[in-house]
Amino acid sequence: MTALRWQGFLEKLGYLVEVTESWSGDDTAVLIALHAYRSHQSIVRFKETYPNRPVVLILTGTDLYRDMENHREVIQSMQLADRLIVLQSSALDLIPPSLLDKAQVIYQSVEINAPSPTPKEDFLVSIIGHLRDEKDPFCIVRSLPLLPSDSKIQVRHLGQAMSAPMAEFAKQCNTTLDRYQWIGEVSHLNALQILSQSRLMVISSRMEGGAHVVSEAIALGIPVIASDIPGNRGLLGDDYPGYFPVGDAKALADLLYRAETMPTFYASLQQQIDLRKEWIHPAREKQSIQELVSGLV
């Protein structure tokens, strides 16, 4: 999605853009690489072929929060690149000091083409993302039995299960938890419709580079309850009041109930979300990309 969005902006700016899984070897003025580890060979080959032509490296969450410690190719890719792009501000803290002068933040923008807003259901909470370990997808499941009995919270969980055991457990939760419904994979439009009907969105990830679904929630004005990780802080801000410790189901349940029953707390979440909307506006991302590429070519 990031690659296609950048392609759209660059084509509107008059550039000819080809999106490939790896560099094809074609005569290219600028190489824009996503993922330092997976794009390493493309970056090396491009620099060997065109040593004076620029490489822009967009760093992902797995680059920064997992692969940089385990794969030397990540640092090598960063050293070869002429510009390093991160998708949220906290990621700058992970850039080695010697490379920080060529790093900058370009926030992912969102242009919502969903239908007209629909009335929000009683107290619907949505979770959007494929079910895999990095997302800690069942933190919400652990939290629901901890809610007070008078809570009206209902959860819809969207996303494909990335393993058979996860799919089986999610189906089991559908039958054992009255408040929980795993819907599975749905279209992007349907996901946005459900998100727009929600009172809250939960993102419980253990690791994120800057989840696009958080930006979509911001664009729709839906408050977020988020795990306290740099990838979420970099999008929502250090002063955002809706964080809980990673994996802490009790803290998540407490925040959900506070948002449901305390209008002043919910309003504080809403206010902070509204303040972030300007950061994810398409015109801002387009301008940032234009300044980046024009400065290189």
C-alpha atoms as a PDB file:
ATOM      1  CA  MET A   1       0.000   0.000   0.000  1.00  0.00           C
ATOM      2  CA  THR A   2       2.849   2.382   0.762  1.00  0.00           C
ATOM      3  CA  ALA A   3       4.474   1.652  -2.599  1.00  0.00           C
ATOM      4  CA  LEU A   4       1.244   2.207  -4.510  1.00  0.00           C
ATOM      5  CA  ARG A   5       0.494   5.420  -2.648  1.00  0.00           C
ATOM      6  CA  TRP A   6       3.972   6.806  -3.381  1.00  0.00           C
ATOM      7  CA  GLN A   7       3.576   5.754  -7.021  1.00  0.00           C
ATOM      8  CA  GLY A   8       0.326   7.715  -7.225  1.00  0.00           C
ATOM      9  CA  PHE A   9       1.856  10.869  -5.768  1.00  0.00           C
ATOM     10  CA  LEU A  10       4.971  10.675  -7.967  1.00  0.00           C
ATOM     11  CA  GLU A  11       2.955  10.142 -11.146  1.00  0.00           C
ATOM     12  CA  LYS A  12       0.820  13.164 -10.295  1.00  0.00           C
ATOM     13  CA  LEU A  13       4.084  15.094  -9.952  1.00  0.00           C
ATOM     14  CA  GLY A  14       5.117  14.055 -13.465  1.00  0.00           C
ATOM     15  CA  TYR A  15       7.488  11.177 -12.754  1.00  0.00           C
ATOM     16  CA  LEU A  16       7.430   7.802 -14.512  1.00  0.00           C
ATOM     17  CA  VAL A  17       7.247   5.110 -11.819  1.00  0.00           C
ATOM     18  CA  GLU A  18       7.607   1.341 -11.963  1.00  0.00           C
ATOM     19  CA  VAL A  19       6.726  -0.784  -8.919  1.00  0.00           C
ATOM     20  CA  THR A  20       8.560  -4.121  -8.706  1.00  0.00           C
ATOM     21  CA  GLU A  21       9.418  -6.653  -6.004  1.00  0.00           C
ATOM     22  CA  SER A  22      13.118  -6.125  -6.723  1.00  0.00           C
ATOM     23  CA  TRP A  23      15.132  -3.808  -8.968  1.00  0.00           C
ATOM     24  CA  SER A  24      14.855  -5.091 -12.525  1.00  0.00           C
ATOM     25  CA  GLY A  25      18.194  -3.646 -13.645  1.00  0.00           C
ATOM     26  CA  ASP A  26      16.523  -1.050 -15.859  1.00  0.00           C
ATOM     27  CA  ASP A  27      17.954   2.429 -16.295  1.00  0.00           C
ATOM     28  CA  THR A  28      16.483   4.219 -13.279  1.00  0.00           C
ATOM     29  CA  ALA A  29      17.093   7.748 -12.034  1.00  0.00           C
ATOM     30  CA  VAL A  30      16.134   7.042  -8.405  1.00  0.00           C
ATOM     31  CA  LEU A  31      15.596   3.791  -6.545  1.00  0.00           C
ATOM     32  CA  ILE A  32      12.999   3.976  -3.766  1.00  0.00           C
ATOM     33  CA  ALA A  33      13.286   0.837  -1.659  1.00  0.00           C
ATOM     34  CA  LEU A  34      10.828  -0.406   0.942  1.00  0.00           C
ATOM     35  CA  HIS A  35      12.305  -2.606   3.689  1.00  0.00           C
ATOM     36  CA  ALA A  36      16.042  -2.456   4.336  1.00  0.00           C
ATOM     37  CA  TYR A  37      16.478  -6.206   4.780  1.00  0.00           C
ATOM     38  CA  ARG A  38      14.368  -7.493   1.908  1.00  0.00           C
ATOM     39  CA  SER A  39      15.579  -4.803  -0.506  1.00  0.00           C
ATOM     40  CA  HIS A  40      19.248  -5.200   0.423  1.00  0.00           C
ATOM     41  CA  GLN A  41      20.352  -6.990  -2.756  1.00  0.00           C
ATOM     42  CA  SER A  42      18.488  -4.496  -4.958  1.00  0.00           C
ATOM     43  CA  ILE A  43      20.147  -1.575  -3.187  1.00  0.00           C
ATOM     44  CA  VAL A  44      23.620  -3.146  -3.506  1.00  0.00           C
ATOM     45  CA  ARG A  45      23.162  -3.930  -7.217  1.00  0.00           C
ATOM     46  CA  PHE A  46      21.777  -0.469  -7.947  1.00  0.00           C
ATOM     47  CA  LYS A  47      24.660   1.292  -6.217  1.00  0.00           C
ATOM     48  CA  GLU A  48      27.195  -0.931  -7.980  1.00  0.00           C
ATOM     49  CA  THR A  49      25.609  -0.091 -11.336  1.00  0.00           C
ATOM     50  CA  TYR A  50      24.868   3.593 -10.687  1.00  0.00           C
ATOM     51  CA  PRO A  51      27.084   4.738  -7.805  1.00  0.00           C
ATOM     52  CA  ASN A  52      26.117   8.393  -8.263  1.00  0.00           C
ATOM     53  CA  ARG A  53      22.376   7.892  -8.472  1.00  0.00           C
ATOM     54  CA  PRO A  54      20.298   8.248  -5.295  1.00  0.00           C
ATOM     55  CA  VAL A  55      18.599   5.576  -3.231  1.00  0.00           C
ATOM     56  CA  VAL A  56      15.694   6.406  -0.927  1.00  0.00           C
ATOM     57  CA  LEU A  57      15.112   3.752   1.735  1.00  0.00           C
ATOM     58  CA  ILE A  58      11.748   3.601   3.499  1.00  0.00           C
ATOM     59  CA  LEU A  59      12.314   1.781   6.783  1.00  0.00           C
ATOM     60  CA  THR A  60       9.614  -0.565   8.036  1.00  0.00           C
ATOM     61  CA  GLY A  61       8.723  -1.594  11.562  1.00  0.00           C
ATOM     62  CA  THR A  62      10.399  -4.983  11.139  1.00  0.00           C
ATOM     63  CA  ASP A  63      13.580  -3.227   9.986  1.00  0.00           C
ATOM     64  CA  LEU A  64      13.740  -1.039  13.063  1.00  0.00           C
ATOM     65  CA  TYR A  65      12.236  -3.149  15.821  1.00  0.00           C
ATOM     66  CA  ARG A  66      13.439  -6.637  14.843  1.00  0.00           C
ATOM     67  CA  ASP A  67      15.814  -7.059  11.886  1.00  0.00           C
ATOM     68  CA  MET A  68      18.303  -4.279  12.677  1.00  0.00           C
ATOM     69  CA  GLU A  69      19.583  -6.248  15.680  1.00  0.00           C
ATOM     70  CA  ASN A  70      19.730  -9.587  13.856  1.00  0.00           C
ATOM     71  CA  HIS A  71      20.717  -8.832  10.263  1.00  0.00           C
ATOM     72  CA  ARG A  72      23.727  -6.745   9.317  1.00  0.00           C
ATOM     73  CA  GLU A  73      22.145  -6.151   5.894  1.00  0.00           C
ATOM     74  CA  VAL A  74      19.783  -3.617   7.498  1.00  0.00           C
ATOM     75  CA  ILE A  75      22.583  -1.297   8.586  1.00  0.00           C
ATOM     76  CA  GLN A  76      24.407  -1.858   5.286  1.00  0.00           C
ATOM     77  CA  SER A  77      21.301  -0.827   3.352  1.00  0.00           C
ATOM     78  CA  MET A  78      20.948   2.252   5.542  1.00  0.00           C
ATOM     79  CA  GLN A  79      24.582   3.179   4.940  1.00  0.00           C
ATOM     80  CA  LEU A  80      24.224   2.835   1.165  1.00  0.00           C
ATOM     81  CA  ALA A  81      21.005   4.857   0.999  1.00  0.00           C
ATOM     82  CA  ASP A  82      21.101   8.606   0.354  1.00  0.00           C
ATOM     83  CA  ARG A  83      17.882   9.278   2.292  1.00  0.00           C
ATOM     84  CA  LEU A  84      16.207   7.315   5.081  1.00  0.00           C
ATOM     85  CA  ILE A  85      12.453   7.658   5.497  1.00  0.00           C
ATOM     86  CA  VAL A  86      10.568   6.625   8.624  1.00  0.00           C
ATOM     87  CA  LEU A  87       6.795   6.681   8.932  1.00  0.00           C
ATOM     88  CA  GLN A  88       6.444   8.037  12.460  1.00  0.00           C
ATOM     89  CA  SER A  89       8.554  10.278  14.677  1.00  0.00           C
ATOM     90  CA  SER A  90       9.566   7.767  17.369  1.00  0.00           C
ATOM     91  CA  ALA A  91      11.398   5.733  14.733  1.00  0.00           C
ATOM     92  CA  LEU A  92      14.085   8.413  14.578  1.00  0.00           C
ATOM     93  CA  ASP A  93      15.258   7.238  18.005  1.00  0.00           C
ATOM     94  CA  LEU A  94      16.342   3.941  16.433  1.00  0.00           C
ATOM     95  CA  ILE A  95      18.486   5.460  13.673  1.00  0.00           C
ATOM     96  CA  PRO A  96      22.237   5.206  14.421  1.00  0.00           C
ATOM     97  CA  PRO A  97      23.606   8.696  15.199  1.00  0.00           C
ATOM     98  CA  SER A  98      26.025   8.550  12.275  1.00  0.00           C
ATOM     99  CA  LEU A  99      23.090   8.146   9.850  1.00  0.00           C
ATOM    100  CA  LEU A 100      20.587  10.478  11.477  1.00  0.00           C
ATOM    101  CA  ASP A 101      21.450  13.446   9.252  1.00  0.00           C
ATOM    102  CA  LYS A 102      19.920  11.714   6.226  1.00  0.00           C
ATOM    103  CA  ALA A 103      16.740  10.565   8.007  1.00  0.00           C
ATOM    104  CA  GLN A 104      13.336  12.237   7.966  1.00  0.00           C
ATOM    105  CA  VAL A 105       9.723  11.484   8.843  1.00  0.00           C
ATOM    106  CA  ILE A 106       7.032  11.298   6.172  1.00  0.00           C
ATOM    107  CA  TYR A 107       3.690  10.430   7.734  1.00  0.00           C
ATOM    108  CA  GLN A 108       1.429   8.066   5.799  1.00  0.00           C
ATOM    109  CA  SER A 109      -1.616   9.928   4.591  1.00  0.00           C
ATOM    110  CA  VAL A 110      -5.168   8.681   4.344  1.00  0.00           C
ATOM    111  CA  GLU A 111      -7.895   9.701   1.940  1.00  0.00           C
ATOM    112  CA  ILE A 112     -11.110   8.080   3.052  1.00  0.00           C
ATOM    113  CA  ASN A 113     -13.579   7.213   0.295  1.00  0.00           C
ATOM    114  CA  ALA A 114     -15.991   5.420   2.575  1.00  0.00           C
ATOM    115  CA  PRO A 115     -19.747   6.072   2.283  1.00  0.00           C
ATOM    116  CA  SER A 116     -21.389   8.758   4.361  1.00  0.00           C
ATOM    117  CA  PRO A 117     -20.879   8.180   8.080  1.00  0.00           C
ATOM    118  CA  THR A 118     -23.346   5.750   9.582  1.00  0.00           C
ATOM    119  CA  PRO A 119     -24.719   5.928  13.127  1.00  0.00           C
ATOM    120  CA  LYS A 120     -22.320   4.412  15.649  1.00  0.00           C
ATOM    121  CA  GLU A 121     -23.498   1.231  17.299  1.00  0.00           C
ATOM    122  CA  ASP A 122     -24.059   1.139  21.057  1.00  0.00           C
ATOM    123  CA  PHE A 123     -20.418   0.722  22.079  1.00  0.00           C
ATOM    124  CA  LEU A 124     -18.701  -1.089  19.231  1.00  0.00           C
ATOM    125  CA  VAL A 125     -14.934  -1.614  19.457  1.00  0.00           C
ATOM    126  CA  SER A 126     -13.104  -2.680  16.313  1.00  0.00           C
ATOM    127  CA  ILE A 127      -9.752  -4.395  15.818  1.00  0.00           C
ATOM    128  CA  ILE A 128      -8.372  -4.421  12.284  1.00  0.00           C
ATOM    129  CA  GLY A 129      -5.327  -6.435  11.296  1.00  0.00           C
ATOM    130  CA  HIS A 130      -4.297  -9.947  10.346  1.00  0.00           C
ATOM    131  CA  LEU A 131      -4.006 -12.347  13.253  1.00  0.00           C
ATOM    132  CA  ARG A 132      -0.297 -12.939  13.837  1.00  0.00           C
ATOM    133  CA  ASP A 133       1.965 -12.980  16.883  1.00  0.00           C
ATOM    134  CA  GLU A 134       3.388  -9.463  16.391  1.00  0.00           C
ATOM    135  CA  LYS A 135      -0.141  -8.052  16.714  1.00  0.00           C
ATOM    136  CA  ASP A 136      -0.931  -9.872  19.985  1.00  0.00           C
ATOM    137  CA  PRO A 137      -4.386 -10.333  18.430  1.00  0.00           C
ATOM    138  CA  PHE A 138      -6.004 -12.042  21.414  1.00  0.00           C
ATOM    139  CA  CYS A 139      -5.118  -9.457  24.036  1.00  0.00           C
ATOM    140  CA  ILE A 140      -8.660  -8.201  23.542  1.00  0.00           C
ATOM    141  CA  VAL A 141      -9.991 -11.719  24.181  1.00  0.00           C
ATOM    142  CA  ARG A 142      -8.116 -11.883  27.473  1.00  0.00           C
ATOM    143  CA  SER A 143      -9.479  -8.473  28.471  1.00  0.00           C
ATOM    144  CA  LEU A 144     -13.183  -9.013  27.808  1.00  0.00           C
ATOM    145  CA  PRO A 145     -13.899 -11.295  30.817  1.00  0.00           C
ATOM    146  CA  LEU A 146     -12.349  -8.586  33.004  1.00  0.00           C
ATOM    147  CA  LEU A 147     -14.959  -5.974  32.044  1.00  0.00           C
ATOM    148  CA  PRO A 148     -17.668  -5.176  34.598  1.00  0.00           C
ATOM    149  CA  SER A 149     -20.948  -6.946  33.951  1.00  0.00           C
ATOM    150  CA  ASP A 150     -22.759  -3.685  33.160  1.00  0.00           C
ATOM    151  CA  SER A 151     -20.479  -2.914  30.181  1.00  0.00           C
ATOM    152  CA  LYS A 152     -22.172  -2.812  26.774  1.00  0.00           C
ATOM    153  CA  ILE A 153     -18.908  -3.158  24.819  1.00  0.00           C
ATOM    154  CA  GLN A 154     -19.042  -5.376  21.727  1.00  0.00           C
ATOM    155  CA  VAL A 155     -15.904  -6.241  19.721  1.00  0.00           C
ATOM    156  CA  ARG A 156     -15.584  -6.941  16.021  1.00  0.00           C
ATOM    157  CA  HIS A 157     -12.242  -8.381  15.010  1.00  0.00           C
ATOM    158  CA  LEU A 158     -11.307  -8.101  11.332  1.00  0.00           C
ATOM    159  CA  GLY A 159      -8.374  -9.815   9.684  1.00  0.00           C
ATOM    160  CA  GLN A 160      -7.193 -13.096   8.243  1.00  0.00           C
ATOM    161  CA  ALA A 161      -5.766 -15.665  10.653  1.00  0.00           C
ATOM    162  CA  MET A 162      -2.169 -16.322   9.608  1.00  0.00           C
ATOM    163  CA  SER A 163      -2.088 -19.822  11.080  1.00  0.00           C
ATOM    164  CA  ALA A 164      -4.543 -22.669  11.537  1.00  0.00           C
ATOM    165  CA  PRO A 165      -4.294 -22.605  15.363  1.00  0.00           C
ATOM    166  CA  MET A 166      -5.103 -18.889  15.417  1.00  0.00           C
ATOM    167  CA  ALA A 167      -8.115 -19.439  13.171  1.00  0.00           C
ATOM    168  CA  GLU A 168      -9.336 -22.266  15.384  1.00  0.00           C
ATOM    169  CA  PHE A 169      -8.925 -20.219  18.564  1.00  0.00           C
ATOM    170  CA  ALA A 170     -10.709 -17.213  17.042  1.00  0.00           C
ATOM    171  CA  LYS A 171     -13.636 -19.432  16.029  1.00  0.00           C
ATOM    172  CA  GLN A 172     -13.732 -20.852  19.542  1.00  0.00           C
ATOM    173  CA  CYS A 173     -13.866 -17.328  20.995  1.00  0.00           C
ATOM    174  CA  ASN A 174     -16.824 -16.581  18.722  1.00  0.00           C
ATOM    175  CA  THR A 175     -18.809 -19.243  20.522  1.00  0.00           C
ATOM    176  CA  THR A 176     -17.542 -18.722  24.078  1.00  0.00           C
ATOM    177  CA  LEU A 177     -17.445 -14.913  24.349  1.00  0.00           C
ATOM    178  CA  ASP A 178     -20.723 -13.043  23.974  1.00  0.00           C
ATOM    179  CA  ARG A 179     -18.947  -9.728  23.450  1.00  0.00           C
ATOM    180  CA  TYR A 180     -16.586 -10.947  20.705  1.00  0.00           C
ATOM    181  CA  GLN A 181     -17.002 -11.596  16.990  1.00  0.00           C
ATOM    182  CA  TRP A 182     -14.151 -12.544  14.678  1.00  0.00           C
ATOM    183  CA  ILE A 183     -15.276 -11.753  11.138  1.00  0.00           C
ATOM    184  CA  GLY A 184     -12.087 -12.683   9.298  1.00  0.00           C
ATOM    185  CA  GLU A 185     -10.779 -10.978   6.190  1.00  0.00           C
ATOM    186  CA  VAL A 186     -13.041  -8.363   4.614  1.00  0.00           C
ATOM    187  CA  SER A 187     -12.610  -5.802   1.848  1.00  0.00           C
ATOM    188  CA  HIS A 188     -10.921  -2.509   2.646  1.00  0.00           C
ATOM    189  CA  LEU A 189     -14.231  -0.695   2.102  1.00  0.00           C
ATOM    190  CA  ASN A 190     -16.049  -2.989   4.527  1.00  0.00           C
ATOM    191  CA  ALA A 191     -13.293  -2.534   7.093  1.00  0.00           C
ATOM    192  CA  LEU A 192     -13.663   1.244   6.833  1.00  0.00           C
ATOM    193  CA  GLN A 193     -17.440   0.948   7.196  1.00  0.00           C
ATOM    194  CA  ILE A 194     -17.093  -1.062  10.401  1.00  0.00           C
ATOM    195  CA  LEU A 195     -14.414   1.299  11.687  1.00  0.00           C
ATOM    196  CA  SER A 196     -16.641   4.313  11.013  1.00  0.00           C
ATOM    197  CA  GLN A 197     -19.431   2.682  13.061  1.00  0.00           C
ATOM    198  CA  SER A 198     -17.110   2.078  16.010  1.00  0.00           C
ATOM    199  CA  ARG A 199     -16.731   4.063  19.205  1.00  0.00           C
ATOM    200  CA  LEU A 200     -13.123   2.918  19.572  1.00  0.00           C
ATOM    201  CA  MET A 201     -10.415   1.051  17.718  1.00  0.00           C
ATOM    202  CA  VAL A 202      -7.902  -1.119  19.582  1.00  0.00           C
ATOM    203  CA  ILE A 203      -4.373  -1.795  18.350  1.00  0.00           C
ATOM    204  CA  SER A 204      -2.576  -4.177  20.700  1.00  0.00           C
ATOM    205  CA  SER A 205       0.586  -4.837  18.677  1.00  0.00           C
ATOM    206  CA  ARG A 206       3.872  -5.800  20.275  1.00  0.00           C
ATOM    207  CA  MET A 207       5.714  -4.217  17.329  1.00  0.00           C
ATOM    208  CA  GLU A 208       4.670  -1.674  14.684  1.00  0.00           C
ATOM    209  CA  GLY A 209       6.520   0.663  12.378  1.00  0.00           C
ATOM    210  CA  GLY A 210       3.496   2.928  12.148  1.00  0.00           C
ATOM    211  CA  ALA A 211       0.260   1.080  11.408  1.00  0.00           C
ATOM    212  CA  HIS A 212      -1.768   2.494   8.532  1.00  0.00           C
ATOM    213  CA  VAL A 213      -4.993   1.507  10.276  1.00  0.00           C
ATOM    214  CA  VAL A 214      -4.153   3.994  13.043  1.00  0.00           C
ATOM    215  CA  SER A 215      -3.961   6.727  10.411  1.00  0.00           C
ATOM    216  CA  GLU A 216      -7.314   5.561   9.034  1.00  0.00           C
ATOM    217  CA  ALA A 217      -8.855   5.801  12.491  1.00  0.00           C
ATOM    218  CA  ILE A 218      -7.457   9.317  12.830  1.00  0.00           C
ATOM    219  CA  ALA A 219      -8.890  10.293   9.439  1.00  0.00           C
ATOM    220  CA  LEU A 220     -12.321   9.008  10.480  1.00  0.00           C
ATOM    221  CA  GLY A 221     -12.085  10.630  13.913  1.00  0.00           C
ATOM    222  CA  ILE A 222     -12.286   7.316  15.789  1.00  0.00           C
ATOM    223  CA  PRO A 223     -10.420   7.294  19.138  1.00  0.00           C
ATOM    224  CA  VAL A 224      -7.768   4.605  19.538  1.00  0.00           C
ATOM    225  CA  ILE A 225      -6.756   2.484  22.509  1.00  0.00           C
ATOM    226  CA  ALA A 226      -3.160   1.489  21.766  1.00  0.00           C
ATOM    227  CA  SER A 227      -0.358  -0.616  23.164  1.00  0.00           C
ATOM    228  CA  ASP A 228       2.444   1.547  24.508  1.00  0.00           C
ATOM    229  CA  ILE A 229       5.065   0.997  21.799  1.00  0.00           C
ATOM    230  CA  PRO A 230       7.128   3.529  19.819  1.00  0.00           C
ATOM    231  CA  GLY A 231       5.272   2.813  16.577  1.00  0.00           C
ATOM    232  CA  ASN A 232       1.979   3.884  18.156  1.00  0.00           C
ATOM    233  CA  ARG A 233       3.450   6.796  20.096  1.00  0.00           C
ATOM    234  CA  GLY A 234       5.023   8.163  16.933  1.00  0.00           C
ATOM    235  CA  LEU A 235       1.571   8.457  15.355  1.00  0.00           C
ATOM    236  CA  LEU A 236      -0.598   9.363  18.341  1.00  0.00           C
ATOM    237  CA  GLY A 237       1.851  11.485  20.350  1.00  0.00           C
ATOM    238  CA  ASP A 238       3.533  11.085  23.722  1.00  0.00           C
ATOM    239  CA  ASP A 239       0.726  12.928  25.507  1.00  0.00           C
ATOM    240  CA  TYR A 240      -2.033  10.683  24.155  1.00  0.00           C
ATOM    241  CA  PRO A 241      -4.047   9.304  27.108  1.00  0.00           C
ATOM    242  CA  GLY A 242      -5.090   5.975  25.564  1.00  0.00           C
ATOM    243  CA  TYR A 243      -2.020   3.727  26.013  1.00  0.00           C
ATOM    244  CA  PHE A 244      -1.786   0.448  27.897  1.00  0.00           C
ATOM    245  CA  PRO A 245       1.307  -1.719  28.596  1.00  0.00           C
ATOM    246  CA  VAL A 246       1.949  -4.345  25.916  1.00  0.00           C
ATOM    247  CA  GLY A 247       0.033  -7.537  26.652  1.00  0.00           C
ATOM    248  CA  ASP A 248      -1.672  -6.150  29.772  1.00  0.00           C
ATOM    249  CA  ALA A 249      -5.259  -7.345  29.397  1.00  0.00           C
ATOM    250  CA  LYS A 250      -6.370  -5.808  32.710  1.00  0.00           C
ATOM    251  CA  ALA A 251      -5.073  -2.374  31.735  1.00  0.00           C
ATOM    252  CA  LEU A 252      -6.785  -2.701  28.350  1.00  0.00           C
ATOM    253  CA  ALA A 253     -10.074  -3.626  30.003  1.00  0.00           C
ATOM    254  CA  ASP A 254      -9.774  -0.662  32.377  1.00  0.00           C
ATOM    255  CA  LEU A 255      -9.186   1.775  29.492  1.00  0.00           C
ATOM    256  CA  LEU A 256     -12.081   0.361  27.488  1.00  0.00           C
ATOM    257  CA  TYR A 257     -14.446   0.718  30.448  1.00  0.00           C
ATOM    258  CA  ARG A 258     -13.220   4.243  31.216  1.00  0.00           C
ATOM    259  CA  ALA A 259     -13.855   5.258  27.604  1.00  0.00           C
ATOM    260  CA  GLU A 260     -17.314   3.695  27.740  1.00  0.00           C
ATOM    261  CA  THR A 261     -18.416   5.185  31.070  1.00  0.00           C
ATOM    262  CA  MET A 262     -16.445   8.428  31.482  1.00  0.00           C
ATOM    263  CA  PRO A 263     -17.462  11.060  28.894  1.00  0.00           C
ATOM    264  CA  THR A 264     -14.579  13.364  29.876  1.00  0.00           C
ATOM    265  CA  PHE A 265     -12.020  10.628  29.209  1.00  0.00           C
ATOM    266  CA  TYR A 266     -13.603   9.728  25.880  1.00  0.00           C
ATOM    267  CA  ALA A 267     -13.635  13.418  24.940  1.00  0.00           C
ATOM    268  CA  SER A 268      -9.917  13.696  25.735  1.00  0.00           C
ATOM    269  CA  LEU A 269      -9.199  10.804  23.354  1.00  0.00           C
ATOM    270  CA  GLN A 270     -11.376  12.386  20.680  1.00  0.00           C
ATOM    271  CA  GLN A 271      -9.666  15.762  21.048  1.00  0.00           C
ATOM    272  CA  GLN A 272      -6.188  14.259  20.634  1.00  0.00           C
ATOM    273  CA  ILE A 273      -7.282  12.272  17.570  1.00  0.00           C
ATOM    274  CA  ASP A 274      -8.695  15.404  15.956  1.00  0.00           C
ATOM    275  CA  LEU A 275      -5.412  17.248  16.544  1.00  0.00           C
ATOM    276  CA  ARG A 276      -3.522  14.565  14.571  1.00  0.00           C
ATOM    277  CA  LYS A 277      -5.646  14.828  11.425  1.00  0.00           C
ATOM    278  CA  GLU A 278      -3.454  17.459   9.791  1.00  0.00           C
ATOM    279  CA  TRP A 279      -0.441  15.129   9.996  1.00  0.00           C
ATOM    280  CA  ILE A 280      -2.051  12.469   7.816  1.00  0.00           C
ATOM    281  CA  HIS A 281      -3.531  14.740   5.121  1.00  0.00           C
ATOM    282  CA  PRO A 282      -2.638  13.605   1.548  1.00  0.00           C
ATOM    283  CA  ALA A 283      -1.452  17.087   0.550  1.00  0.00           C
ATOM    284  CA  ARG A 284       1.134  16.993   3.322  1.00  0.00           C
ATOM    285  CA  GLU A 285       2.527  13.608   2.262  1.00  0.00           C
ATOM    286  CA  LYS A 286       2.547  14.631  -1.409  1.00  0.00           C
ATOM    287  CA  GLN A 287       4.479  17.804  -0.606  1.00  0.00           C
ATOM    288  CA  SER A 288       6.993  15.868   1.483  1.00  0.00           C
ATOM    289  CA  ILE A 289       7.566  13.367  -1.321  1.00  0.00           C
ATOM    290  CA  GLN A 290       7.887  16.156  -3.884  1.00  0.00           C
ATOM    291  CA  GLU A 291      10.518  17.966  -1.803  1.00  0.00           C
ATOM    292  CA  LEU A 292      12.396  14.721  -1.185  1.00  0.00           C
ATOM    293  CA  VAL A 293      12.645  13.590  -4.812  1.00  0.00           C
ATOM    294  CA  SER A 294      13.176  17.023  -6.363  1.00  0.00           C
ATOM    295  CA  GLY A 295      16.034  17.547  -3.929  1.00  0.00           C
ATOM    296  CA  LEU A 296      17.686  14.363  -5.178  1.00  0.00           C
ATOM    297  CA  VAL A 297      17.206  14.732  -8.926  1.00  0.00           C
END
